[in-house]
Amino acid sequence: WPSTPSQQQMMMHLDIEVDDLTSAVERAVALGATEADFQPQDDVRVLY
């Protein structure tokens, strides 16, 4: 993601509501997630 030709495309993703975006991203990263390079919206954070 974003999709590229000839590679496994995203079939679905989870949307997780949080009450504090900055601290939620920090927690997710501390647990092992990584932030995507491409962020299509200012009020949403895409992670892996």
ModelCIF file with pLDDT and N, C-alpha, C, O atoms, coordinates in Angstrom:
data_MODEL
#
_entry.id   MODEL 
#
_entity.id                         1 
_entity.type                       polymer 
_entity.pdbx_number_of_molecules   1 
#
_entity_poly.entity_id                      1 
_entity_poly.type                           'polypeptide(L)' 
_entity_poly.nstd_linkage                   no 
_entity_poly.nstd_monomer                   no 
_entity_poly.pdbx_seq_one_letter_code       WPSTPSQQQMMMHLDIEVDDLTSAVERAVALGATEADFQPQDDVRVLY 
_entity_poly.pdbx_seq_one_letter_code_can   WPSTPSQQQMMMHLDIEVDDLTSAVERAVALGATEADFQPQDDVRVLY 
_entity_poly.pdbx_strand_id                 A 
#
loop_
_entity_poly_seq.entity_id 
_entity_poly_seq.num 
_entity_poly_seq.mon_id 
_entity_poly_seq.hetero 
1 1  TRP n 
1 2  PRO n 
1 3  SER n 
1 4  THR n 
1 5  PRO n 
1 6  SER n 
1 7  GLN n 
1 8  GLN n 
1 9  GLN n 
1 10 MET n 
1 11 MET n 
1 12 MET n 
1 13 HIS n 
1 14 LEU n 
1 15 ASP n 
1 16 ILE n 
1 17 GLU n 
1 18 VAL n 
1 19 ASP n 
1 20 ASP n 
1 21 LEU n 
1 22 THR n 
1 23 SER n 
1 24 ALA n 
1 25 VAL n 
1 26 GLU n 
1 27 ARG n 
1 28 ALA n 
1 29 VAL n 
1 30 ALA n 
1 31 LEU n 
1 32 GLY n 
1 33 ALA n 
1 34 THR n 
1 35 GLU n 
1 36 ALA n 
1 37 ASP n 
1 38 PHE n 
1 39 GLN n 
1 40 PRO n 
1 41 GLN n 
1 42 ASP n 
1 43 ASP n 
1 44 VAL n 
1 45 ARG n 
1 46 VAL n 
1 47 LEU n 
1 48 TYR n 
#
_struct_asym.id          A 
_struct_asym.entity_id   1 
#
loop_
_ma_qa_metric.id 
_ma_qa_metric.mode 
_ma_qa_metric.name 
_ma_qa_metric.software_group_id 
_ma_qa_metric.type 
1 global pLDDT . pLDDT 
2 local  pLDDT . pLDDT 
#
_ma_qa_metric_global.metric_id      1 
_ma_qa_metric_global.metric_value   88.35 
_ma_qa_metric_global.model_id       1 
_ma_qa_metric_global.ordinal_id     1 
#
loop_
_ma_qa_metric_local.label_asym_id 
_ma_qa_metric_local.label_comp_id 
_ma_qa_metric_local.label_seq_id 
_ma_qa_metric_local.metric_id 
_ma_qa_metric_local.metric_value 
_ma_qa_metric_local.model_id 
_ma_qa_metric_local.ordinal_id 
A TRP 1  2 74.00 1 1  
A PRO 2  2 71.00 1 2  
A SER 3  2 70.00 1 3  
A THR 4  2 66.00 1 4  
A PRO 5  2 72.00 1 5  
A SER 6  2 71.00 1 6  
A GLN 7  2 64.00 1 7  
A GLN 8  2 59.00 1 8  
A GLN 9  2 61.00 1 9  
A MET 10 2 56.00 1 10 
A MET 11 2 69.00 1 11 
A MET 12 2 80.00 1 12 
A HIS 13 2 87.00 1 13 
A LEU 14 2 93.00 1 14 
A ASP 15 2 94.00 1 15 
A ILE 16 2 96.00 1 16 
A GLU 17 2 96.00 1 17 
A VAL 18 2 97.00 1 18 
A ASP 19 2 96.00 1 19 
A ASP 20 2 96.00 1 20 
A LEU 21 2 96.00 1 21 
A THR 22 2 96.00 1 22 
A SER 23 2 98.00 1 23 
A ALA 24 2 98.00 1 24 
A VAL 25 2 98.00 1 25 
A GLU 26 2 98.00 1 26 
A ARG 27 2 98.00 1 27 
A ALA 28 2 98.00 1 28 
A VAL 29 2 98.00 1 29 
A ALA 30 2 98.00 1 30 
A LEU 31 2 98.00 1 31 
A GLY 32 2 98.00 1 32 
A ALA 33 2 98.00 1 33 
A THR 34 2 97.00 1 34 
A GLU 35 2 97.00 1 35 
A ALA 36 2 95.00 1 36 
A ASP 37 2 94.00 1 37 
A PHE 38 2 91.00 1 38 
A GLN 39 2 93.00 1 39 
A PRO 40 2 88.00 1 40 
A GLN 41 2 89.00 1 41 
A ASP 42 2 87.00 1 42 
A ASP 43 2 91.00 1 43 
A VAL 44 2 95.00 1 44 
A ARG 45 2 97.00 1 45 
A VAL 46 2 96.00 1 46 
A LEU 47 2 97.00 1 47 
A TYR 48 2 96.00 1 48 
#
loop_
_atom_site.group_PDB 
_atom_site.id 
_atom_site.type_symbol 
_atom_site.label_atom_id 
_atom_site.label_alt_id 
_atom_site.label_comp_id 
_atom_site.label_asym_id 
_atom_site.label_entity_id 
_atom_site.label_seq_id 
_atom_site.pdbx_PDB_ins_code 
_atom_site.Cartn_x 
_atom_site.Cartn_y 
_atom_site.Cartn_z 
_atom_site.occupancy 
_atom_site.B_iso_or_equiv 
_atom_site.pdbx_formal_charge 
_atom_site.auth_seq_id 
_atom_site.auth_comp_id 
_atom_site.auth_asym_id 
_atom_site.auth_atom_id 
_atom_site.pdbx_PDB_model_num 
ATOM 1   N N  . TRP A 1 1  ? 0.857   -1.176 0.000   1.00 74.00 ? 1  TRP A N  1 
ATOM 2   C CA . TRP A 1 1  ? 0.000   0.000  0.000   1.00 74.00 ? 1  TRP A CA 1 
ATOM 3   C C  . TRP A 1 1  ? 0.895   1.227  0.000   1.00 74.00 ? 1  TRP A C  1 
ATOM 4   O O  . TRP A 1 1  ? 1.836   1.300  0.790   1.00 74.00 ? 1  TRP A O  1 
ATOM 5   N N  . PRO A 1 2  ? 0.628   2.169  -0.848  1.00 71.00 ? 2  PRO A N  1 
ATOM 6   C CA . PRO A 1 2  ? -0.351  2.134  -1.932  1.00 71.00 ? 2  PRO A CA 1 
ATOM 7   C C  . PRO A 1 2  ? -0.051  0.989  -2.894  1.00 71.00 ? 2  PRO A C  1 
ATOM 8   O O  . PRO A 1 2  ? 1.084   0.521  -2.988  1.00 71.00 ? 2  PRO A O  1 
ATOM 9   N N  . SER A 1 3  ? -1.071  0.553  -3.597  1.00 70.00 ? 3  SER A N  1 
ATOM 10  C CA . SER A 1 3  ? -0.955  -0.578 -4.505  1.00 70.00 ? 3  SER A CA 1 
ATOM 11  C C  . SER A 1 3  ? 0.051   -0.305 -5.616  1.00 70.00 ? 3  SER A C  1 
ATOM 12  O O  . SER A 1 3  ? 0.195   0.820  -6.096  1.00 70.00 ? 3  SER A O  1 
ATOM 13  N N  . THR A 1 4  ? 0.737   -1.367 -6.006  1.00 66.00 ? 4  THR A N  1 
ATOM 14  C CA . THR A 1 4  ? 1.659   -1.299 -7.138  1.00 66.00 ? 4  THR A CA 1 
ATOM 15  C C  . THR A 1 4  ? 1.394   -2.523 -8.014  1.00 66.00 ? 4  THR A C  1 
ATOM 16  O O  . THR A 1 4  ? 0.988   -3.569 -7.510  1.00 66.00 ? 4  THR A O  1 
ATOM 17  N N  . PRO A 1 5  ? 1.621   -2.397 -9.315  1.00 72.00 ? 5  PRO A N  1 
ATOM 18  C CA . PRO A 1 5  ? 1.390   -3.539 -10.203 1.00 72.00 ? 5  PRO A CA 1 
ATOM 19  C C  . PRO A 1 5  ? 2.292   -4.717 -9.837  1.00 72.00 ? 5  PRO A C  1 
ATOM 20  O O  . PRO A 1 5  ? 3.424   -4.526 -9.393  1.00 72.00 ? 5  PRO A O  1 
ATOM 21  N N  . SER A 1 6  ? 1.794   -5.913 -10.023 1.00 71.00 ? 6  SER A N  1 
ATOM 22  C CA . SER A 1 6  ? 2.510   -7.182 -9.866  1.00 71.00 ? 6  SER A CA 1 
ATOM 23  C C  . SER A 1 6  ? 2.958   -7.485 -8.432  1.00 71.00 ? 6  SER A C  1 
ATOM 24  O O  . SER A 1 6  ? 3.811   -8.348 -8.224  1.00 71.00 ? 6  SER A O  1 
ATOM 25  N N  . GLN A 1 7  ? 2.403   -6.797 -7.458  1.00 64.00 ? 7  GLN A N  1 
ATOM 26  C CA . GLN A 1 7  ? 2.679   -7.132 -6.058  1.00 64.00 ? 7  GLN A CA 1 
ATOM 27  C C  . GLN A 1 7  ? 1.345   -7.337 -5.340  1.00 64.00 ? 7  GLN A C  1 
ATOM 28  O O  . GLN A 1 7  ? 0.306   -6.840 -5.777  1.00 64.00 ? 7  GLN A O  1 
ATOM 29  N N  . GLN A 1 8  ? 1.393   -8.073 -4.235  1.00 59.00 ? 8  GLN A N  1 
ATOM 30  C CA . GLN A 1 8  ? 0.179   -8.351 -3.470  1.00 59.00 ? 8  GLN A CA 1 
ATOM 31  C C  . GLN A 1 8  ? -0.507  -7.041 -3.083  1.00 59.00 ? 8  GLN A C  1 
ATOM 32  O O  . GLN A 1 8  ? 0.081   -6.213 -2.387  1.00 59.00 ? 8  GLN A O  1 
ATOM 33  N N  . GLN A 1 9  ? -1.739  -6.855 -3.530  1.00 61.00 ? 9  GLN A N  1 
ATOM 34  C CA . GLN A 1 9  ? -2.481  -5.639 -3.205  1.00 61.00 ? 9  GLN A CA 1 
ATOM 35  C C  . GLN A 1 9  ? -3.225  -5.801 -1.891  1.00 61.00 ? 9  GLN A C  1 
ATOM 36  O O  . GLN A 1 9  ? -3.583  -6.910 -1.496  1.00 61.00 ? 9  GLN A O  1 
ATOM 37  N N  . MET A 1 10 ? -3.450  -4.687 -1.226  1.00 56.00 ? 10 MET A N  1 
ATOM 38  C CA . MET A 1 10 ? -4.211  -4.691 0.010   1.00 56.00 ? 10 MET A CA 1 
ATOM 39  C C  . MET A 1 10 ? -5.648  -5.094 -0.314  1.00 56.00 ? 10 MET A C  1 
ATOM 40  O O  . MET A 1 10 ? -6.272  -4.518 -1.205  1.00 56.00 ? 10 MET A O  1 
ATOM 41  N N  . MET A 1 11 ? -6.164  -6.073 0.401   1.00 69.00 ? 11 MET A N  1 
ATOM 42  C CA . MET A 1 11 ? -7.533  -6.532 0.182   1.00 69.00 ? 11 MET A CA 1 
ATOM 43  C C  . MET A 1 11 ? -8.497  -5.848 1.145   1.00 69.00 ? 11 MET A C  1 
ATOM 44  O O  . MET A 1 11 ? -9.677  -5.677 0.839   1.00 69.00 ? 11 MET A O  1 
ATOM 45  N N  . MET A 1 12 ? -7.992  -5.465 2.293   1.00 80.00 ? 12 MET A N  1 
ATOM 46  C CA . MET A 1 12 ? -8.792  -4.785 3.305   1.00 80.00 ? 12 MET A CA 1 
ATOM 47  C C  . MET A 1 12 ? -7.829  -4.186 4.316   1.00 80.00 ? 12 MET A C  1 
ATOM 48  O O  . MET A 1 12 ? -6.639  -4.502 4.325   1.00 80.00 ? 12 MET A O  1 
ATOM 49  N N  . HIS A 1 13 ? -8.357  -3.317 5.166   1.00 87.00 ? 13 HIS A N  1 
ATOM 50  C CA . HIS A 1 13 ? -7.539  -2.793 6.251   1.00 87.00 ? 13 HIS A CA 1 
ATOM 51  C C  . HIS A 1 13 ? -8.443  -2.492 7.440   1.00 87.00 ? 13 HIS A C  1 
ATOM 52  O O  . HIS A 1 13 ? -9.662  -2.406 7.298   1.00 87.00 ? 13 HIS A O  1 
ATOM 53  N N  . LEU A 1 14 ? -7.846  -2.336 8.591   1.00 93.00 ? 14 LEU A N  1 
ATOM 54  C CA . LEU A 1 14 ? -8.582  -2.026 9.812   1.00 93.00 ? 14 LEU A CA 1 
ATOM 55  C C  . LEU A 1 14 ? -8.561  -0.524 10.041  1.00 93.00 ? 14 LEU A C  1 
ATOM 56  O O  . LEU A 1 14 ? -7.518  0.113  9.891   1.00 93.00 ? 14 LEU A O  1 
ATOM 57  N N  . ASP A 1 15 ? -9.704  0.047  10.404  1.00 94.00 ? 15 ASP A N  1 
ATOM 58  C CA . ASP A 1 15 ? -9.797  1.439  10.854  1.00 94.00 ? 15 ASP A CA 1 
ATOM 59  C C  . ASP A 1 15 ? -10.024 1.399  12.351  1.00 94.00 ? 15 ASP A C  1 
ATOM 60  O O  . ASP A 1 15 ? -11.016 0.842  12.823  1.00 94.00 ? 15 ASP A O  1 
ATOM 61  N N  . ILE A 1 16 ? -9.108  1.986  13.094  1.00 96.00 ? 16 ILE A N  1 
ATOM 62  C CA . ILE A 1 16 ? -9.162  1.942  14.552  1.00 96.00 ? 16 ILE A CA 1 
ATOM 63  C C  . ILE A 1 16 ? -9.313  3.355  15.084  1.00 96.00 ? 16 ILE A C  1 
ATOM 64  O O  . ILE A 1 16 ? -8.436  4.198  14.893  1.00 96.00 ? 16 ILE A O  1 
ATOM 65  N N  . GLU A 1 17 ? -10.427 3.608  15.751  1.00 96.00 ? 17 GLU A N  1 
ATOM 66  C CA . GLU A 1 17 ? -10.688 4.930  16.329  1.00 96.00 ? 17 GLU A CA 1 
ATOM 67  C C  . GLU A 1 17 ? -9.893  5.082  17.622  1.00 96.00 ? 17 GLU A C  1 
ATOM 68  O O  . GLU A 1 17 ? -9.848  4.171  18.448  1.00 96.00 ? 17 GLU A O  1 
ATOM 69  N N  . VAL A 1 18 ? -9.270  6.241  17.784  1.00 97.00 ? 18 VAL A N  1 
ATOM 70  C CA . VAL A 1 18 ? -8.499  6.558  18.990  1.00 97.00 ? 18 VAL A CA 1 
ATOM 71  C C  . VAL A 1 18 ? -8.935  7.929  19.514  1.00 97.00 ? 18 VAL A C  1 
ATOM 72  O O  . VAL A 1 18 ? -9.585  8.691  18.799  1.00 97.00 ? 18 VAL A O  1 
ATOM 73  N N  . ASP A 1 19 ? -8.581  8.235  20.748  1.00 96.00 ? 19 ASP A N  1 
ATOM 74  C CA . ASP A 1 19 ? -8.956  9.546  21.283  1.00 96.00 ? 19 ASP A CA 1 
ATOM 75  C C  . ASP A 1 19 ? -7.824  10.564 21.201  1.00 96.00 ? 19 ASP A C  1 
ATOM 76  O O  . ASP A 1 19 ? -8.057  11.757 21.392  1.00 96.00 ? 19 ASP A O  1 
ATOM 77  N N  . ASP A 1 20 ? -6.603  10.114 20.920  1.00 96.00 ? 20 ASP A N  1 
ATOM 78  C CA . ASP A 1 20 ? -5.449  11.009 20.784  1.00 96.00 ? 20 ASP A CA 1 
ATOM 79  C C  . ASP A 1 20 ? -4.540  10.404 19.715  1.00 96.00 ? 20 ASP A C  1 
ATOM 80  O O  . ASP A 1 20 ? -3.849  9.417  19.968  1.00 96.00 ? 20 ASP A O  1 
ATOM 81  N N  . LEU A 1 21 ? -4.542  10.991 18.538  1.00 96.00 ? 21 LEU A N  1 
ATOM 82  C CA . LEU A 1 21 ? -3.841  10.417 17.394  1.00 96.00 ? 21 LEU A CA 1 
ATOM 83  C C  . LEU A 1 21 ? -2.334  10.339 17.631  1.00 96.00 ? 21 LEU A C  1 
ATOM 84  O O  . LEU A 1 21 ? -1.719  9.311  17.350  1.00 96.00 ? 21 LEU A O  1 
ATOM 85  N N  . THR A 1 22 ? -1.746  11.391 18.133  1.00 96.00 ? 22 THR A N  1 
ATOM 86  C CA . THR A 1 22 ? -0.292  11.418 18.332  1.00 96.00 ? 22 THR A CA 1 
ATOM 87  C C  . THR A 1 22 ? 0.157   10.337 19.302  1.00 96.00 ? 22 THR A C  1 
ATOM 88  O O  . THR A 1 22 ? 1.085   9.585  19.003  1.00 96.00 ? 22 THR A O  1 
ATOM 89  N N  . SER A 1 23 ? -0.486  10.250 20.455  1.00 98.00 ? 23 SER A N  1 
ATOM 90  C CA . SER A 1 23 ? -0.063  9.243  21.435  1.00 98.00 ? 23 SER A CA 1 
ATOM 91  C C  . SER A 1 23 ? -0.418  7.832  20.976  1.00 98.00 ? 23 SER A C  1 
ATOM 92  O O  . SER A 1 23 ? 0.290   6.884  21.316  1.00 98.00 ? 23 SER A O  1 
ATOM 93  N N  . ALA A 1 24 ? -1.495  7.672  20.213  1.00 98.00 ? 24 ALA A N  1 
ATOM 94  C CA . ALA A 1 24 ? -1.857  6.352  19.695  1.00 98.00 ? 24 ALA A CA 1 
ATOM 95  C C  . ALA A 1 24 ? -0.812  5.866  18.696  1.00 98.00 ? 24 ALA A C  1 
ATOM 96  O O  . ALA A 1 24 ? -0.436  4.694  18.710  1.00 98.00 ? 24 ALA A O  1 
ATOM 97  N N  . VAL A 1 25 ? -0.345  6.756  17.834  1.00 98.00 ? 25 VAL A N  1 
ATOM 98  C CA . VAL A 1 25 ? 0.704   6.383  16.882  1.00 98.00 ? 25 VAL A CA 1 
ATOM 99  C C  . VAL A 1 25 ? 1.969   6.003  17.643  1.00 98.00 ? 25 VAL A C  1 
ATOM 100 O O  . VAL A 1 25 ? 2.601   4.996  17.325  1.00 98.00 ? 25 VAL A O  1 
ATOM 101 N N  . GLU A 1 26 ? 2.343   6.790  18.635  1.00 98.00 ? 26 GLU A N  1 
ATOM 102 C CA . GLU A 1 26 ? 3.537   6.486  19.429  1.00 98.00 ? 26 GLU A CA 1 
ATOM 103 C C  . GLU A 1 26 ? 3.428   5.113  20.077  1.00 98.00 ? 26 GLU A C  1 
ATOM 104 O O  . GLU A 1 26 ? 4.390   4.345  20.071  1.00 98.00 ? 26 GLU A O  1 
ATOM 105 N N  . ARG A 1 27 ? 2.268   4.801  20.633  1.00 98.00 ? 27 ARG A N  1 
ATOM 106 C CA . ARG A 1 27 ? 2.054   3.489  21.281  1.00 98.00 ? 27 ARG A CA 1 
ATOM 107 C C  . ARG A 1 27 ? 2.141   2.365  20.259  1.00 98.00 ? 27 ARG A C  1 
ATOM 108 O O  . ARG A 1 27 ? 2.803   1.356  20.503  1.00 98.00 ? 27 ARG A O  1 
ATOM 109 N N  . ALA A 1 28 ? 1.480   2.528  19.116  1.00 98.00 ? 28 ALA A N  1 
ATOM 110 C CA . ALA A 1 28 ? 1.506   1.489  18.091  1.00 98.00 ? 28 ALA A CA 1 
ATOM 111 C C  . ALA A 1 28 ? 2.930   1.225  17.609  1.00 98.00 ? 28 ALA A C  1 
ATOM 112 O O  . ALA A 1 28 ? 3.322   0.073  17.424  1.00 98.00 ? 28 ALA A O  1 
ATOM 113 N N  . VAL A 1 29 ? 3.702   2.291  17.406  1.00 98.00 ? 29 VAL A N  1 
ATOM 114 C CA . VAL A 1 29 ? 5.093   2.141  16.968  1.00 98.00 ? 29 VAL A CA 1 
ATOM 115 C C  . VAL A 1 29 ? 5.915   1.451  18.057  1.00 98.00 ? 29 VAL A C  1 
ATOM 116 O O  . VAL A 1 29 ? 6.743   0.591  17.752  1.00 98.00 ? 29 VAL A O  1 
ATOM 117 N N  . ALA A 1 30 ? 5.700   1.811  19.304  1.00 98.00 ? 30 ALA A N  1 
ATOM 118 C CA . ALA A 1 30 ? 6.428   1.173  20.400  1.00 98.00 ? 30 ALA A CA 1 
ATOM 119 C C  . ALA A 1 30 ? 6.125   -0.326 20.479  1.00 98.00 ? 30 ALA A C  1 
ATOM 120 O O  . ALA A 1 30 ? 6.963   -1.110 20.926  1.00 98.00 ? 30 ALA A O  1 
ATOM 121 N N  . LEU A 1 31 ? 4.924   -0.719 20.042  1.00 98.00 ? 31 LEU A N  1 
ATOM 122 C CA . LEU A 1 31 ? 4.534   -2.133 20.066  1.00 98.00 ? 31 LEU A CA 1 
ATOM 123 C C  . LEU A 1 31 ? 5.017   -2.906 18.838  1.00 98.00 ? 31 LEU A C  1 
ATOM 124 O O  . LEU A 1 31 ? 4.917   -4.132 18.804  1.00 98.00 ? 31 LEU A O  1 
ATOM 125 N N  . GLY A 1 32 ? 5.541   -2.204 17.831  1.00 98.00 ? 32 GLY A N  1 
ATOM 126 C CA . GLY A 1 32 ? 6.081   -2.887 16.659  1.00 98.00 ? 32 GLY A CA 1 
ATOM 127 C C  . GLY A 1 32 ? 5.527   -2.452 15.316  1.00 98.00 ? 32 GLY A C  1 
ATOM 128 O O  . GLY A 1 32 ? 5.951   -2.974 14.286  1.00 98.00 ? 32 GLY A O  1 
ATOM 129 N N  . ALA A 1 33 ? 4.589   -1.507 15.295  1.00 98.00 ? 33 ALA A N  1 
ATOM 130 C CA . ALA A 1 33 ? 4.064   -0.994 14.029  1.00 98.00 ? 33 ALA A CA 1 
ATOM 131 C C  . ALA A 1 33 ? 5.063   -0.019 13.410  1.00 98.00 ? 33 ALA A C  1 
ATOM 132 O O  . ALA A 1 33 ? 5.964   0.478  14.086  1.00 98.00 ? 33 ALA A O  1 
ATOM 133 N N  . THR A 1 34 ? 4.892   0.243  12.132  1.00 97.00 ? 34 THR A N  1 
ATOM 134 C CA . THR A 1 34 ? 5.679   1.273  11.459  1.00 97.00 ? 34 THR A CA 1 
ATOM 135 C C  . THR A 1 34 ? 4.730   2.193  10.702  1.00 97.00 ? 34 THR A C  1 
ATOM 136 O O  . THR A 1 34 ? 3.705   1.755  10.180  1.00 97.00 ? 34 THR A O  1 
ATOM 137 N N  . GLU A 1 35 ? 5.086   3.472  10.651  1.00 97.00 ? 35 GLU A N  1 
ATOM 138 C CA . GLU A 1 35 ? 4.264   4.426  9.908   1.00 97.00 ? 35 GLU A CA 1 
ATOM 139 C C  . GLU A 1 35 ? 4.548   4.302  8.417   1.00 97.00 ? 35 GLU A C  1 
ATOM 140 O O  . GLU A 1 35 ? 5.693   4.137  7.995   1.00 97.00 ? 35 GLU A O  1 
ATOM 141 N N  . ALA A 1 36 ? 3.482   4.384  7.633   1.00 95.00 ? 36 ALA A N  1 
ATOM 142 C CA . ALA A 1 36 ? 3.636   4.370  6.181   1.00 95.00 ? 36 ALA A CA 1 
ATOM 143 C C  . ALA A 1 36 ? 4.267   5.680  5.736   1.00 95.00 ? 36 ALA A C  1 
ATOM 144 O O  . ALA A 1 36 ? 4.020   6.725  6.338   1.00 95.00 ? 36 ALA A O  1 
ATOM 145 N N  . ASP A 1 37 ? 5.076   5.633  4.693   1.00 94.00 ? 37 ASP A N  1 
ATOM 146 C CA . ASP A 1 37 ? 5.671   6.853  4.151   1.00 94.00 ? 37 ASP A CA 1 
ATOM 147 C C  . ASP A 1 37 ? 4.600   7.776  3.580   1.00 94.00 ? 37 ASP A C  1 
ATOM 148 O O  . ASP A 1 37 ? 4.656   8.992  3.760   1.00 94.00 ? 37 ASP A O  1 
ATOM 149 N N  . PHE A 1 38 ? 3.628   7.189  2.892   1.00 91.00 ? 38 PHE A N  1 
ATOM 150 C CA . PHE A 1 38 ? 2.557   7.973  2.278   1.00 91.00 ? 38 PHE A CA 1 
ATOM 151 C C  . PHE A 1 38 ? 1.400   8.106  3.260   1.00 91.00 ? 38 PHE A C  1 
ATOM 152 O O  . PHE A 1 38 ? 0.866   7.104  3.737   1.00 91.00 ? 38 PHE A O  1 
ATOM 153 N N  . GLN A 1 39 ? 1.018   9.334  3.559   1.00 93.00 ? 39 GLN A N  1 
ATOM 154 C CA . GLN A 1 39 ? -0.105  9.631  4.452   1.00 93.00 ? 39 GLN A CA 1 
ATOM 155 C C  . GLN A 1 39 ? -1.102  10.484 3.667   1.00 93.00 ? 39 GLN A C  1 
ATOM 156 O O  . GLN A 1 39 ? -0.842  11.664 3.431   1.00 93.00 ? 39 GLN A O  1 
ATOM 157 N N  . PRO A 1 40 ? -2.245  9.907  3.257   1.00 88.00 ? 40 PRO A N  1 
ATOM 158 C CA . PRO A 1 40 ? -3.168  10.625 2.376   1.00 88.00 ? 40 PRO A CA 1 
ATOM 159 C C  . PRO A 1 40 ? -4.038  11.670 3.064   1.00 88.00 ? 40 PRO A C  1 
ATOM 160 O O  . PRO A 1 40 ? -4.640  12.506 2.390   1.00 88.00 ? 40 PRO A O  1 
ATOM 161 N N  . GLN A 1 41 ? -4.116  11.638 4.393   1.00 89.00 ? 41 GLN A N  1 
ATOM 162 C CA . GLN A 1 41 ? -4.968  12.585 5.115   1.00 89.00 ? 41 GLN A CA 1 
ATOM 163 C C  . GLN A 1 41 ? -4.236  13.088 6.353   1.00 89.00 ? 41 GLN A C  1 
ATOM 164 O O  . GLN A 1 41 ? -3.444  12.364 6.956   1.00 89.00 ? 41 GLN A O  1 
ATOM 165 N N  . ASP A 1 42 ? -4.511  14.339 6.725   1.00 87.00 ? 42 ASP A N  1 
ATOM 166 C CA . ASP A 1 42 ? -3.864  14.907 7.905   1.00 87.00 ? 42 ASP A CA 1 
ATOM 167 C C  . ASP A 1 42 ? -4.413  14.354 9.209   1.00 87.00 ? 42 ASP A C  1 
ATOM 168 O O  . ASP A 1 42 ? -3.701  14.313 10.212  1.00 87.00 ? 42 ASP A O  1 
ATOM 169 N N  . ASP A 1 43 ? -5.680  13.924 9.210   1.00 91.00 ? 43 ASP A N  1 
ATOM 170 C CA . ASP A 1 43 ? -6.318  13.494 10.457  1.00 91.00 ? 43 ASP A CA 1 
ATOM 171 C C  . ASP A 1 43 ? -6.392  11.972 10.603  1.00 91.00 ? 43 ASP A C  1 
ATOM 172 O O  . ASP A 1 43 ? -7.104  11.462 11.469  1.00 91.00 ? 43 ASP A O  1 
ATOM 173 N N  . VAL A 1 44 ? -5.660  11.257 9.761   1.00 95.00 ? 44 VAL A N  1 
ATOM 174 C CA . VAL A 1 44 ? -5.591  9.796  9.802   1.00 95.00 ? 44 VAL A CA 1 
ATOM 175 C C  . VAL A 1 44 ? -4.132  9.402  9.672   1.00 95.00 ? 44 VAL A C  1 
ATOM 176 O O  . VAL A 1 44 ? -3.389  10.028 8.916   1.00 95.00 ? 44 VAL A O  1 
ATOM 177 N N  . ARG A 1 45 ? -3.716  8.388  10.388  1.00 97.00 ? 45 ARG A N  1 
ATOM 178 C CA . ARG A 1 45 ? -2.354  7.889  10.266  1.00 97.00 ? 45 ARG A CA 1 
ATOM 179 C C  . ARG A 1 45 ? -2.422  6.457  9.779   1.00 97.00 ? 45 ARG A C  1 
ATOM 180 O O  . ARG A 1 45 ? -3.082  5.615  10.389  1.00 97.00 ? 45 ARG A O  1 
ATOM 181 N N  . VAL A 1 46 ? -1.740  6.182  8.681   1.00 96.00 ? 46 VAL A N  1 
ATOM 182 C CA . VAL A 1 46 ? -1.646  4.828  8.142   1.00 96.00 ? 46 VAL A CA 1 
ATOM 183 C C  . VAL A 1 46 ? -0.377  4.198  8.703   1.00 96.00 ? 46 VAL A C  1 
ATOM 184 O O  . VAL A 1 46 ? 0.709   4.773  8.624   1.00 96.00 ? 46 VAL A O  1 
ATOM 185 N N  . LEU A 1 47 ? -0.536  3.017  9.264   1.00 97.00 ? 47 LEU A N  1 
ATOM 186 C CA . LEU A 1 47 ? 0.589   2.265  9.816   1.00 97.00 ? 47 LEU A CA 1 
ATOM 187 C C  . LEU A 1 47 ? 0.554   0.848  9.264   1.00 97.00 ? 47 LEU A C  1 
ATOM 188 O O  . LEU A 1 47 ? -0.438  0.424  8.670   1.00 97.00 ? 47 LEU A O  1 
ATOM 189 N N  . TYR A 1 48 ? 1.652   0.119  9.468   1.00 96.00 ? 48 TYR A N  1 
ATOM 190 C CA . TYR A 1 48 ? 1.724   -1.296 9.138   1.00 96.00 ? 48 TYR A CA 1 
ATOM 191 C C  . TYR A 1 48 ? 1.951   -2.065 10.428  1.00 96.00 ? 48 TYR A C  1 
ATOM 192 O O  . TYR A 1 48 ? 2.048   -3.292 10.406  1.00 96.00 ? 48 TYR A O  1 
#
